[in-house]
N, C-alpha and C. Protein backbone atom coordinates (compact mmCIF):
# COMPACT_ATOMS: atom_id res chain seq x y z
N MET A 1 50.49 66.02 72.71
CA MET A 1 50.46 64.62 73.16
C MET A 1 50.34 63.70 71.95
N THR A 2 51.22 62.70 71.91
CA THR A 2 51.17 61.78 70.78
C THR A 2 49.97 60.87 70.93
N ARG A 3 49.55 60.27 69.81
CA ARG A 3 48.41 59.35 69.82
C ARG A 3 48.69 58.14 70.70
N ALA A 4 49.93 57.63 70.67
CA ALA A 4 50.29 56.46 71.47
C ALA A 4 50.19 56.77 72.96
N LEU A 5 50.65 57.99 73.36
CA LEU A 5 50.59 58.36 74.77
C LEU A 5 49.15 58.53 75.21
N ALA A 6 48.34 59.13 74.36
CA ALA A 6 46.92 59.32 74.70
C ALA A 6 46.24 57.98 74.89
N LEU A 7 46.56 57.03 74.01
CA LEU A 7 45.96 55.71 74.10
C LEU A 7 46.40 55.01 75.39
N THR A 8 47.67 55.17 75.76
CA THR A 8 48.18 54.56 76.99
C THR A 8 47.49 55.11 78.21
N LEU A 9 47.32 56.45 78.26
CA LEU A 9 46.66 57.07 79.40
C LEU A 9 45.20 56.65 79.49
N THR A 10 44.55 56.54 78.34
CA THR A 10 43.15 56.10 78.33
C THR A 10 43.02 54.69 78.88
N CYS A 11 43.91 53.80 78.47
CA CYS A 11 43.87 52.43 78.96
C CYS A 11 44.16 52.37 80.45
N PHE A 12 45.08 53.23 80.91
CA PHE A 12 45.43 53.26 82.34
C PHE A 12 44.23 53.72 83.16
N ALA A 13 43.55 54.76 82.68
CA ALA A 13 42.38 55.27 83.39
C ALA A 13 41.27 54.23 83.42
N PHE A 14 41.10 53.51 82.31
CA PHE A 14 40.08 52.46 82.26
C PHE A 14 40.39 51.35 83.26
N ALA A 15 41.67 51.00 83.37
CA ALA A 15 42.08 49.95 84.30
C ALA A 15 41.81 50.37 85.74
N LEU A 16 42.08 51.64 86.05
CA LEU A 16 41.80 52.13 87.40
C LEU A 16 40.31 52.08 87.69
N THR A 17 39.50 52.44 86.70
CA THR A 17 38.05 52.43 86.89
C THR A 17 37.55 51.02 87.16
N ILE A 18 38.04 50.05 86.37
CA ILE A 18 37.62 48.67 86.55
C ILE A 18 38.05 48.16 87.93
N GLY A 19 39.29 48.51 88.34
CA GLY A 19 39.78 48.05 89.62
C GLY A 19 39.00 48.63 90.78
N GLY A 20 38.48 49.84 90.63
CA GLY A 20 37.80 50.50 91.72
C GLY A 20 36.35 50.11 91.86
N CYS A 21 35.79 49.37 90.93
CA CYS A 21 34.37 49.04 90.99
C CYS A 21 34.14 47.53 90.87
N ALA A 22 35.08 46.76 91.42
CA ALA A 22 34.93 45.31 91.35
C ALA A 22 33.68 44.86 92.09
N ASN A 23 33.07 43.83 91.58
CA ASN A 23 31.85 43.30 92.18
C ASN A 23 32.22 42.36 93.33
N PRO A 24 31.77 42.64 94.58
CA PRO A 24 32.10 41.76 95.70
C PRO A 24 31.61 40.33 95.52
N ALA A 25 30.64 40.13 94.62
CA ALA A 25 30.09 38.79 94.40
C ALA A 25 30.91 37.96 93.43
N ASP A 26 31.95 38.56 92.81
CA ASP A 26 32.69 37.84 91.77
C ASP A 26 33.30 36.53 92.26
N ASP A 27 33.78 36.49 93.50
CA ASP A 27 34.46 35.30 94.01
C ASP A 27 33.62 34.55 95.04
N VAL A 28 32.31 34.77 95.02
CA VAL A 28 31.41 34.17 96.01
C VAL A 28 30.44 33.23 95.30
N ALA A 29 30.11 32.13 95.95
CA ALA A 29 29.18 31.16 95.37
C ALA A 29 27.78 31.76 95.28
N PRO A 30 27.08 31.57 94.17
CA PRO A 30 25.70 32.05 94.07
C PRO A 30 24.74 31.10 94.75
N ALA A 31 23.72 31.65 95.37
CA ALA A 31 22.64 30.81 95.88
C ALA A 31 21.81 30.31 94.69
N VAL A 32 21.37 29.07 94.76
CA VAL A 32 20.48 28.53 93.73
C VAL A 32 19.06 28.87 94.15
N VAL A 33 18.35 29.61 93.30
CA VAL A 33 17.02 30.12 93.65
C VAL A 33 15.95 29.41 92.83
N ASN A 34 14.92 28.93 93.52
CA ASN A 34 13.80 28.24 92.86
C ASN A 34 12.49 28.63 93.54
N ALA A 35 11.41 28.06 93.05
CA ALA A 35 10.12 28.25 93.72
C ALA A 35 10.19 27.65 95.12
N PRO A 36 9.42 28.18 96.06
CA PRO A 36 9.46 27.67 97.43
C PRO A 36 9.13 26.19 97.51
N LYS A 37 9.77 25.51 98.48
CA LYS A 37 9.59 24.07 98.64
C LYS A 37 8.91 23.75 99.97
N THR A 38 8.39 22.53 100.05
CA THR A 38 7.79 22.04 101.28
C THR A 38 8.74 21.04 101.91
N ALA A 39 8.98 21.19 103.21
CA ALA A 39 9.88 20.28 103.90
C ALA A 39 9.31 18.87 103.89
N PRO A 40 10.16 17.85 103.69
CA PRO A 40 9.67 16.46 103.71
C PRO A 40 9.13 16.10 105.09
N VAL A 41 8.08 15.29 105.09
CA VAL A 41 7.45 14.88 106.34
C VAL A 41 7.94 13.48 106.71
N THR A 42 8.49 13.33 107.91
CA THR A 42 8.96 12.03 108.39
C THR A 42 7.95 11.47 109.37
N PRO A 43 7.39 10.28 109.11
CA PRO A 43 6.40 9.70 110.04
C PRO A 43 7.01 9.50 111.42
N GLU A 44 6.24 9.81 112.45
CA GLU A 44 6.71 9.64 113.81
C GLU A 44 5.68 8.81 114.59
N PRO A 45 6.15 8.05 115.58
CA PRO A 45 5.23 7.19 116.31
C PRO A 45 4.23 7.95 117.16
N THR A 46 4.59 9.14 117.60
CA THR A 46 3.68 9.96 118.40
C THR A 46 3.59 11.34 117.79
N PRO A 47 2.43 12.00 117.88
CA PRO A 47 2.31 13.34 117.31
C PRO A 47 3.17 14.35 118.04
N THR A 48 3.66 15.34 117.30
CA THR A 48 4.47 16.41 117.89
C THR A 48 3.79 17.73 117.64
N PRO A 49 3.99 18.73 118.53
CA PRO A 49 3.37 20.04 118.32
C PRO A 49 3.87 20.68 117.04
N VAL A 50 3.00 21.38 116.34
CA VAL A 50 3.36 22.08 115.11
C VAL A 50 3.87 23.47 115.46
N THR A 51 5.08 23.78 115.00
CA THR A 51 5.65 25.10 115.25
C THR A 51 5.20 26.04 114.14
N THR A 52 4.55 27.11 114.51
CA THR A 52 4.00 28.03 113.51
C THR A 52 4.89 29.23 113.27
N THR A 53 5.87 29.45 114.11
CA THR A 53 6.75 30.61 113.93
C THR A 53 8.18 30.24 114.29
N PRO A 54 9.15 30.66 113.48
CA PRO A 54 10.54 30.33 113.77
C PRO A 54 11.03 30.86 115.11
N THR A 55 10.42 31.91 115.64
CA THR A 55 10.92 32.49 116.88
C THR A 55 10.57 31.63 118.09
N ALA A 56 9.62 30.72 117.97
CA ALA A 56 9.27 29.84 119.08
C ALA A 56 10.20 28.64 119.04
N THR A 57 11.15 28.59 119.96
CA THR A 57 12.14 27.52 119.96
C THR A 57 11.54 26.23 120.50
N PRO A 58 11.49 25.15 119.70
CA PRO A 58 10.93 23.88 120.17
C PRO A 58 11.76 23.30 121.31
N ALA A 59 11.14 22.45 122.11
CA ALA A 59 11.84 21.80 123.21
C ALA A 59 13.03 21.01 122.66
N GLY A 60 14.18 21.20 123.26
CA GLY A 60 15.38 20.49 122.84
C GLY A 60 16.17 21.18 121.76
N ALA A 61 15.60 22.20 121.10
CA ALA A 61 16.32 22.92 120.05
C ALA A 61 17.26 23.95 120.67
N LEU A 62 18.23 24.39 119.89
CA LEU A 62 19.20 25.38 120.35
C LEU A 62 18.80 26.76 119.84
N ALA A 63 18.64 27.70 120.74
CA ALA A 63 18.29 29.07 120.35
C ALA A 63 19.52 29.77 119.77
N ILE A 64 19.33 30.48 118.68
CA ILE A 64 20.41 31.26 118.08
C ILE A 64 20.74 32.45 118.98
N ALA A 65 22.01 32.63 119.27
CA ALA A 65 22.47 33.72 120.12
C ALA A 65 22.70 34.96 119.26
N ALA A 66 21.72 35.87 119.25
CA ALA A 66 21.82 37.04 118.39
C ALA A 66 22.96 37.97 118.80
N ASP A 67 23.34 37.94 120.07
CA ASP A 67 24.39 38.85 120.53
C ASP A 67 25.77 38.45 120.05
N THR A 68 25.95 37.19 119.68
CA THR A 68 27.25 36.73 119.18
C THR A 68 27.18 36.25 117.73
N SER A 69 26.02 36.35 117.11
CA SER A 69 25.85 35.93 115.71
C SER A 69 25.76 37.15 114.81
N LYS A 70 26.00 36.94 113.52
CA LYS A 70 25.91 38.04 112.55
C LYS A 70 25.17 37.58 111.30
N ILE A 71 24.29 38.44 110.80
CA ILE A 71 23.69 38.28 109.48
C ILE A 71 23.98 39.57 108.74
N ASP A 72 24.96 39.55 107.87
CA ASP A 72 25.44 40.75 107.19
C ASP A 72 25.27 40.63 105.68
N PHE A 73 25.38 41.76 104.99
CA PHE A 73 25.31 41.76 103.53
C PHE A 73 26.24 42.83 102.97
N GLU A 74 26.52 42.71 101.68
CA GLU A 74 27.31 43.73 100.97
C GLU A 74 26.75 43.88 99.57
N GLY A 75 26.36 45.10 99.25
CA GLY A 75 25.88 45.42 97.91
C GLY A 75 26.84 46.37 97.24
N SER A 76 26.71 46.52 95.93
CA SER A 76 27.64 47.38 95.22
C SER A 76 26.96 48.09 94.06
N LYS A 77 27.62 49.14 93.62
CA LYS A 77 27.20 49.89 92.44
C LYS A 77 28.45 50.19 91.62
N VAL A 78 28.31 50.98 90.58
CA VAL A 78 29.43 51.22 89.68
C VAL A 78 30.62 51.83 90.40
N THR A 79 30.36 52.74 91.34
CA THR A 79 31.44 53.49 91.98
C THR A 79 31.95 52.89 93.27
N GLY A 80 31.34 51.84 93.78
CA GLY A 80 31.83 51.27 95.02
C GLY A 80 30.82 50.33 95.66
N SER A 81 31.10 49.93 96.90
CA SER A 81 30.23 48.99 97.60
C SER A 81 29.94 49.48 99.01
N HIS A 82 28.90 48.91 99.62
CA HIS A 82 28.51 49.25 100.98
C HIS A 82 28.20 47.97 101.74
N LYS A 83 28.57 47.96 103.03
CA LYS A 83 28.29 46.83 103.89
C LYS A 83 27.16 47.17 104.86
N GLY A 84 26.45 46.15 105.28
CA GLY A 84 25.36 46.35 106.22
C GLY A 84 24.95 45.03 106.85
N GLY A 85 23.78 45.04 107.49
CA GLY A 85 23.31 43.82 108.12
C GLY A 85 22.06 44.08 108.93
N PHE A 86 21.78 43.17 109.85
CA PHE A 86 20.58 43.26 110.68
C PHE A 86 20.98 43.10 112.14
N LYS A 87 20.49 43.99 112.98
CA LYS A 87 20.86 43.98 114.39
C LYS A 87 19.96 43.07 115.22
N THR A 88 18.73 42.88 114.79
CA THR A 88 17.77 42.12 115.60
C THR A 88 17.22 40.94 114.81
N PHE A 89 17.45 39.74 115.32
CA PHE A 89 16.91 38.52 114.71
C PHE A 89 16.86 37.44 115.78
N SER A 90 16.07 36.42 115.51
CA SER A 90 15.95 35.30 116.44
C SER A 90 15.70 34.03 115.65
N GLY A 91 15.91 32.90 116.30
CA GLY A 91 15.68 31.64 115.61
C GLY A 91 16.23 30.47 116.39
N PHE A 92 16.29 29.31 115.74
CA PHE A 92 16.75 28.11 116.44
C PHE A 92 17.34 27.12 115.45
N ALA A 93 18.08 26.16 116.01
CA ALA A 93 18.61 25.03 115.26
C ALA A 93 18.20 23.76 115.99
N GLU A 94 17.56 22.86 115.26
CA GLU A 94 17.19 21.57 115.83
C GLU A 94 18.26 20.54 115.46
N LEU A 95 18.62 19.71 116.42
CA LEU A 95 19.60 18.67 116.17
C LEU A 95 18.92 17.36 115.82
N ALA A 96 19.62 16.54 115.06
CA ALA A 96 19.13 15.20 114.74
C ALA A 96 19.12 14.36 116.02
N PRO A 97 18.39 13.24 116.01
CA PRO A 97 18.31 12.40 117.21
C PRO A 97 19.67 11.99 117.78
N ASP A 98 20.69 11.84 116.91
CA ASP A 98 22.00 11.45 117.42
C ASP A 98 22.75 12.60 118.07
N GLY A 99 22.22 13.84 117.93
CA GLY A 99 22.84 15.00 118.54
C GLY A 99 24.12 15.46 117.88
N LYS A 100 24.44 14.87 116.71
CA LYS A 100 25.71 15.19 116.06
C LYS A 100 25.56 16.00 114.78
N SER A 101 24.34 16.23 114.35
CA SER A 101 24.10 17.00 113.12
C SER A 101 22.85 17.84 113.28
N VAL A 102 22.68 18.79 112.36
CA VAL A 102 21.54 19.71 112.40
C VAL A 102 20.46 19.22 111.44
N SER A 103 19.22 19.20 111.91
CA SER A 103 18.12 18.76 111.06
C SER A 103 17.24 19.91 110.58
N LYS A 104 17.28 21.04 111.29
CA LYS A 104 16.44 22.17 110.90
C LYS A 104 16.99 23.47 111.46
N ILE A 105 16.86 24.54 110.67
CA ILE A 105 17.23 25.88 111.11
C ILE A 105 16.12 26.83 110.70
N ALA A 106 15.75 27.74 111.59
CA ALA A 106 14.72 28.74 111.27
C ALA A 106 15.11 30.07 111.89
N VAL A 107 14.87 31.15 111.14
CA VAL A 107 15.27 32.49 111.59
C VAL A 107 14.21 33.51 111.23
N ASP A 108 13.95 34.44 112.14
CA ASP A 108 13.14 35.63 111.88
C ASP A 108 14.06 36.86 111.94
N ILE A 109 13.90 37.78 111.01
CA ILE A 109 14.71 39.01 110.99
C ILE A 109 13.80 40.22 111.09
N ASP A 110 14.09 41.09 112.04
CA ASP A 110 13.39 42.37 112.17
C ASP A 110 14.01 43.34 111.17
N MET A 111 13.27 43.62 110.08
CA MET A 111 13.84 44.43 109.00
C MET A 111 14.06 45.89 109.41
N ASN A 112 13.37 46.34 110.45
CA ASN A 112 13.60 47.70 110.92
C ASN A 112 14.96 47.85 111.60
N SER A 113 15.61 46.69 111.87
CA SER A 113 16.95 46.74 112.48
C SER A 113 18.06 46.79 111.44
N THR A 114 17.68 46.97 110.18
CA THR A 114 18.67 47.08 109.10
C THR A 114 19.66 48.20 109.39
N TRP A 115 20.94 47.94 109.15
CA TRP A 115 21.96 48.97 109.29
C TRP A 115 22.88 48.94 108.06
N ALA A 116 23.50 50.06 107.79
CA ALA A 116 24.50 50.16 106.72
C ALA A 116 25.65 51.02 107.20
N ASP A 117 26.73 51.02 106.44
CA ASP A 117 27.91 51.78 106.84
C ASP A 117 27.79 53.28 106.54
N ASN A 118 26.58 53.71 106.20
CA ASN A 118 26.29 55.11 105.93
C ASN A 118 24.89 55.40 106.45
N ASP A 119 24.74 56.40 107.32
CA ASP A 119 23.44 56.67 107.94
C ASP A 119 22.35 56.98 106.92
N LYS A 120 22.69 57.73 105.89
CA LYS A 120 21.72 58.07 104.86
C LYS A 120 21.27 56.81 104.12
N LEU A 121 22.24 55.93 103.84
CA LEU A 121 21.91 54.68 103.15
C LEU A 121 21.04 53.79 104.03
N THR A 122 21.29 53.78 105.34
CA THR A 122 20.48 52.98 106.25
C THR A 122 19.00 53.33 106.10
N GLN A 123 18.72 54.62 106.09
CA GLN A 123 17.33 55.06 105.95
C GLN A 123 16.77 54.74 104.57
N HIS A 124 17.62 54.85 103.55
CA HIS A 124 17.16 54.54 102.19
C HIS A 124 16.83 53.05 102.04
N LEU A 125 17.64 52.19 102.67
CA LEU A 125 17.39 50.76 102.59
C LEU A 125 16.06 50.38 103.22
N LYS A 126 15.64 51.14 104.23
CA LYS A 126 14.35 50.86 104.89
C LYS A 126 13.17 51.40 104.10
N ALA A 127 13.42 52.24 103.13
CA ALA A 127 12.38 52.92 102.36
C ALA A 127 11.83 52.00 101.25
N PRO A 128 10.74 52.43 100.58
CA PRO A 128 10.12 51.59 99.53
C PRO A 128 11.05 51.23 98.38
N ASP A 129 12.10 52.02 98.11
CA ASP A 129 13.02 51.68 97.02
C ASP A 129 13.69 50.33 97.26
N PHE A 130 13.85 49.96 98.53
CA PHE A 130 14.56 48.72 98.85
C PHE A 130 13.68 47.79 99.70
N PHE A 131 13.92 47.70 101.00
CA PHE A 131 13.23 46.71 101.83
C PHE A 131 11.79 47.08 102.16
N ASP A 132 11.46 48.37 102.13
CA ASP A 132 10.11 48.83 102.44
C ASP A 132 9.63 48.21 103.76
N VAL A 133 10.35 48.51 104.84
CA VAL A 133 10.10 47.84 106.11
C VAL A 133 8.73 48.18 106.71
N ALA A 134 8.16 49.32 106.34
CA ALA A 134 6.82 49.64 106.84
C ALA A 134 5.80 48.64 106.32
N LYS A 135 5.99 48.17 105.09
CA LYS A 135 5.08 47.21 104.48
C LYS A 135 5.49 45.77 104.76
N PHE A 136 6.82 45.54 104.84
CA PHE A 136 7.34 44.19 105.05
C PHE A 136 8.29 44.21 106.25
N PRO A 137 7.74 44.23 107.47
CA PRO A 137 8.58 44.42 108.66
C PRO A 137 9.41 43.21 109.05
N LYS A 138 9.12 42.05 108.47
CA LYS A 138 9.83 40.84 108.88
C LYS A 138 10.25 40.02 107.67
N SER A 139 11.44 39.43 107.76
CA SER A 139 11.89 38.43 106.79
C SER A 139 12.12 37.13 107.54
N THR A 140 11.92 36.01 106.86
CA THR A 140 12.09 34.71 107.51
C THR A 140 12.87 33.75 106.63
N PHE A 141 13.51 32.80 107.28
CA PHE A 141 14.18 31.70 106.57
C PHE A 141 13.94 30.42 107.35
N GLU A 142 13.54 29.35 106.65
CA GLU A 142 13.32 28.06 107.30
C GLU A 142 13.78 26.96 106.35
N THR A 143 14.62 26.07 106.85
CA THR A 143 15.20 25.04 105.99
C THR A 143 14.17 23.99 105.59
N THR A 144 14.40 23.45 104.40
CA THR A 144 13.63 22.30 103.92
C THR A 144 14.54 21.09 103.72
N GLU A 145 15.87 21.35 103.65
CA GLU A 145 16.84 20.25 103.50
C GLU A 145 18.21 20.73 103.93
N ILE A 146 18.92 19.88 104.66
CA ILE A 146 20.32 20.12 105.01
C ILE A 146 21.09 18.86 104.68
N LYS A 147 22.00 18.94 103.72
CA LYS A 147 22.74 17.74 103.32
C LYS A 147 24.25 18.01 103.38
N THR A 148 25.00 16.95 103.57
CA THR A 148 26.45 17.08 103.69
C THR A 148 27.08 17.36 102.33
N GLY A 149 28.20 18.09 102.36
CA GLY A 149 28.92 18.43 101.14
C GLY A 149 28.43 19.74 100.56
N GLY A 150 29.36 20.53 100.00
CA GLY A 150 28.97 21.80 99.43
C GLY A 150 30.07 22.43 98.60
N ASP A 151 29.73 23.50 97.91
CA ASP A 151 30.66 24.20 97.03
C ASP A 151 31.76 24.88 97.83
N LYS A 152 32.94 25.02 97.21
CA LYS A 152 34.08 25.74 97.78
C LYS A 152 34.49 25.20 99.15
N GLY A 153 34.44 23.88 99.31
CA GLY A 153 34.91 23.25 100.53
C GLY A 153 33.95 23.31 101.70
N ALA A 154 32.72 23.72 101.48
CA ALA A 154 31.73 23.78 102.55
C ALA A 154 31.39 22.37 103.04
N THR A 155 31.00 22.26 104.31
CA THR A 155 30.65 20.95 104.87
C THR A 155 29.23 20.54 104.50
N HIS A 156 28.38 21.54 104.21
CA HIS A 156 26.97 21.25 103.95
C HIS A 156 26.41 22.15 102.85
N THR A 157 25.29 21.72 102.29
CA THR A 157 24.47 22.56 101.42
C THR A 157 23.11 22.72 102.09
N ILE A 158 22.73 23.96 102.32
CA ILE A 158 21.50 24.26 103.03
C ILE A 158 20.46 24.79 102.05
N THR A 159 19.28 24.21 102.09
CA THR A 159 18.16 24.64 101.25
C THR A 159 17.01 25.03 102.15
N GLY A 160 16.39 26.17 101.84
CA GLY A 160 15.26 26.59 102.65
C GLY A 160 14.50 27.71 101.98
N ASN A 161 13.35 28.04 102.53
CA ASN A 161 12.50 29.10 101.99
C ASN A 161 12.84 30.43 102.65
N LEU A 162 13.24 31.38 101.82
CA LEU A 162 13.54 32.74 102.27
C LEU A 162 12.40 33.65 101.84
N THR A 163 11.80 34.33 102.81
CA THR A 163 10.79 35.34 102.51
C THR A 163 11.41 36.70 102.77
N LEU A 164 11.53 37.49 101.71
CA LEU A 164 12.17 38.81 101.76
C LEU A 164 11.36 39.76 100.88
N HIS A 165 11.02 40.93 101.43
CA HIS A 165 10.28 41.92 100.65
C HIS A 165 8.95 41.34 100.15
N GLY A 166 8.36 40.46 100.96
CA GLY A 166 7.07 39.87 100.62
C GLY A 166 7.12 38.78 99.58
N VAL A 167 8.31 38.37 99.16
CA VAL A 167 8.48 37.33 98.14
C VAL A 167 9.15 36.12 98.77
N THR A 168 8.61 34.94 98.53
CA THR A 168 9.20 33.71 99.07
C THR A 168 9.82 32.89 97.95
N LYS A 169 11.09 32.54 98.13
CA LYS A 169 11.82 31.70 97.18
C LYS A 169 12.59 30.64 97.95
N SER A 170 12.80 29.50 97.31
CA SER A 170 13.70 28.50 97.86
C SER A 170 15.12 28.85 97.44
N ILE A 171 16.04 28.91 98.40
CA ILE A 171 17.44 29.16 98.07
C ILE A 171 18.31 28.05 98.64
N SER A 172 19.36 27.69 97.90
CA SER A 172 20.34 26.70 98.35
C SER A 172 21.71 27.35 98.35
N PHE A 173 22.47 27.15 99.44
CA PHE A 173 23.78 27.79 99.53
C PHE A 173 24.73 26.90 100.34
N PRO A 174 26.04 27.03 100.10
CA PRO A 174 27.02 26.25 100.86
C PRO A 174 27.25 26.86 102.23
N ALA A 175 27.54 26.01 103.21
CA ALA A 175 27.80 26.49 104.57
C ALA A 175 28.73 25.51 105.28
N THR A 176 29.46 26.05 106.23
CA THR A 176 30.27 25.21 107.11
C THR A 176 29.55 25.12 108.44
N VAL A 177 29.11 23.91 108.78
CA VAL A 177 28.31 23.67 109.99
C VAL A 177 29.08 22.72 110.90
N ASN A 178 29.17 23.12 112.17
CA ASN A 178 29.83 22.27 113.15
C ASN A 178 28.92 22.11 114.37
N VAL A 179 28.77 20.88 114.82
CA VAL A 179 28.04 20.60 116.06
C VAL A 179 29.01 19.98 117.05
N LYS A 180 29.19 20.66 118.17
CA LYS A 180 30.11 20.17 119.21
C LYS A 180 29.38 20.11 120.55
N ASP A 181 30.12 19.76 121.58
CA ASP A 181 29.51 19.62 122.89
C ASP A 181 28.89 20.92 123.39
N ASP A 182 29.46 22.06 122.94
CA ASP A 182 28.97 23.35 123.44
C ASP A 182 27.93 23.99 122.53
N GLY A 183 27.56 23.35 121.42
CA GLY A 183 26.52 23.89 120.55
C GLY A 183 26.85 23.81 119.08
N MET A 184 26.14 24.60 118.29
CA MET A 184 26.29 24.60 116.83
C MET A 184 26.82 25.93 116.35
N THR A 185 27.68 25.89 115.35
CA THR A 185 28.12 27.09 114.66
C THR A 185 27.90 26.90 113.16
N LEU A 186 27.60 27.99 112.48
CA LEU A 186 27.38 27.96 111.03
C LEU A 186 27.99 29.22 110.43
N SER A 187 28.76 29.04 109.39
CA SER A 187 29.31 30.18 108.65
C SER A 187 29.08 29.97 107.16
N SER A 188 28.82 31.06 106.47
CA SER A 188 28.55 30.94 105.04
C SER A 188 28.74 32.29 104.35
N GLU A 189 29.07 32.23 103.08
CA GLU A 189 29.16 33.42 102.23
C GLU A 189 28.65 33.04 100.85
N PHE A 190 27.63 33.74 100.38
CA PHE A 190 27.05 33.46 99.08
C PHE A 190 26.36 34.74 98.61
N PHE A 191 25.85 34.72 97.38
CA PHE A 191 25.11 35.91 96.95
C PHE A 191 23.74 35.53 96.40
N ILE A 192 22.81 36.45 96.59
CA ILE A 192 21.49 36.35 95.98
C ILE A 192 21.31 37.52 95.04
N ARG A 193 20.32 37.44 94.18
CA ARG A 193 20.00 38.55 93.28
C ARG A 193 18.73 39.24 93.81
N ARG A 194 18.88 40.51 94.14
CA ARG A 194 17.78 41.23 94.80
C ARG A 194 16.52 41.29 93.93
N LYS A 195 16.70 41.29 92.61
CA LYS A 195 15.53 41.37 91.74
C LYS A 195 14.68 40.10 91.82
N ASP A 196 15.28 38.98 92.25
CA ASP A 196 14.49 37.76 92.46
C ASP A 196 13.44 37.97 93.55
N PHE A 197 13.68 38.97 94.41
CA PHE A 197 12.77 39.25 95.52
C PHE A 197 12.05 40.58 95.35
N GLY A 198 11.95 41.04 94.10
CA GLY A 198 11.17 42.22 93.79
C GLY A 198 11.79 43.54 94.19
N ILE A 199 13.10 43.56 94.49
CA ILE A 199 13.80 44.81 94.83
C ILE A 199 14.50 45.27 93.56
N THR A 200 13.89 46.20 92.87
CA THR A 200 14.32 46.52 91.50
C THR A 200 14.87 47.94 91.32
N TYR A 201 15.01 48.69 92.39
CA TYR A 201 15.52 50.06 92.28
C TYR A 201 16.89 50.05 91.60
N THR A 202 17.06 50.88 90.56
CA THR A 202 18.28 50.82 89.75
C THR A 202 19.38 51.77 90.19
N GLY A 203 19.02 52.82 90.96
CA GLY A 203 20.01 53.82 91.33
C GLY A 203 20.11 54.91 90.29
N MET A 204 21.17 55.72 90.39
CA MET A 204 21.39 56.82 89.45
C MET A 204 21.81 56.28 88.09
N SER A 205 21.45 56.99 87.05
CA SER A 205 21.75 56.52 85.69
C SER A 205 23.25 56.38 85.43
N ASN A 206 24.05 57.19 86.16
CA ASN A 206 25.50 57.12 85.97
C ASN A 206 26.18 56.35 87.11
N ASP A 207 25.39 55.68 87.95
CA ASP A 207 25.94 54.93 89.07
C ASP A 207 24.99 53.78 89.44
N LEU A 208 24.79 52.89 88.48
CA LEU A 208 23.78 51.83 88.61
C LEU A 208 24.14 50.85 89.72
N ILE A 209 23.10 50.35 90.39
CA ILE A 209 23.26 49.39 91.48
C ILE A 209 23.24 47.98 90.91
N ARG A 210 24.18 47.17 91.34
CA ARG A 210 24.24 45.80 90.86
C ARG A 210 23.14 44.95 91.47
N ASP A 211 22.78 43.89 90.76
CA ASP A 211 21.73 42.98 91.20
C ASP A 211 22.22 42.07 92.33
N GLU A 212 23.48 41.67 92.28
CA GLU A 212 24.01 40.70 93.24
C GLU A 212 24.23 41.34 94.62
N VAL A 213 23.81 40.64 95.66
CA VAL A 213 24.05 41.06 97.04
C VAL A 213 24.70 39.90 97.78
N VAL A 214 25.85 40.14 98.36
CA VAL A 214 26.57 39.10 99.10
C VAL A 214 25.99 38.99 100.51
N ILE A 215 25.71 37.77 100.93
CA ILE A 215 25.22 37.49 102.27
C ILE A 215 26.32 36.78 103.05
N ARG A 216 26.59 37.25 104.27
CA ARG A 216 27.59 36.61 105.12
C ARG A 216 26.95 36.23 106.45
N LEU A 217 27.05 34.95 106.79
CA LEU A 217 26.43 34.43 108.00
C LEU A 217 27.50 33.93 108.96
N ASP A 218 27.35 34.30 110.21
CA ASP A 218 28.19 33.77 111.29
C ASP A 218 27.23 33.52 112.46
N VAL A 219 26.71 32.31 112.53
CA VAL A 219 25.61 31.99 113.45
C VAL A 219 26.09 31.03 114.54
N LYS A 220 25.70 31.35 115.77
CA LYS A 220 26.04 30.51 116.91
C LYS A 220 24.78 30.16 117.68
N ALA A 221 24.63 28.88 117.99
CA ALA A 221 23.50 28.40 118.79
C ALA A 221 24.07 27.53 119.90
N PRO A 222 24.37 28.10 121.06
CA PRO A 222 25.02 27.34 122.13
C PRO A 222 24.07 26.43 122.88
N LYS A 223 24.63 25.37 123.44
CA LYS A 223 23.86 24.52 124.33
C LYS A 223 23.86 25.14 125.71
N LYS A 224 22.72 25.08 126.38
CA LYS A 224 22.62 25.63 127.71
C LYS A 224 23.38 24.75 128.71
N ALA A 225 23.99 25.40 129.69
CA ALA A 225 24.73 24.67 130.70
C ALA A 225 23.78 23.81 131.54
């Protein structure tokens, strides 16, 4: 084999390797992560009940329909990627007084409902290397700000406190939010870095796990008839 041919084959093999291990987060907007924030307080003429848990839907709010909504994720390593998500979650969306926009969103996730596209991986994700669901059985998200306009053509930028793996951070991400006569829909795709939330398992030395995890949201909160 000539040196030129060997060099060509080496480059071809390298190209195949790069193509087969692309990072799913490469074309996705990153969430902006900061210390947790406190939602602004708006003075009201009469006192309102304090909601202590996202699963308790306030009067007039729209309950998230878990049966038609999705909270999914995709992680990757050197040799490939895996998709997964959560089967059990609950929450609500509060509308602004005009009924045409969303003022608050809150969600609880049952971490024991984690699933992946591989049964062995599903169990590993629930173990201490990753989510450690025995120690941290629930994750929560509650907005602190929802403003119009967002990256990559999104209608809004959503900021809120995400508690995952016992760590709370403020995250901001783009989303497409629509409020119509039949309810609210929200879709979004962004990535977070798992190490920001104390999930630091590296994987095999020859098959390292990437830090970036893509989150995909397809949330529906219908109005009751």
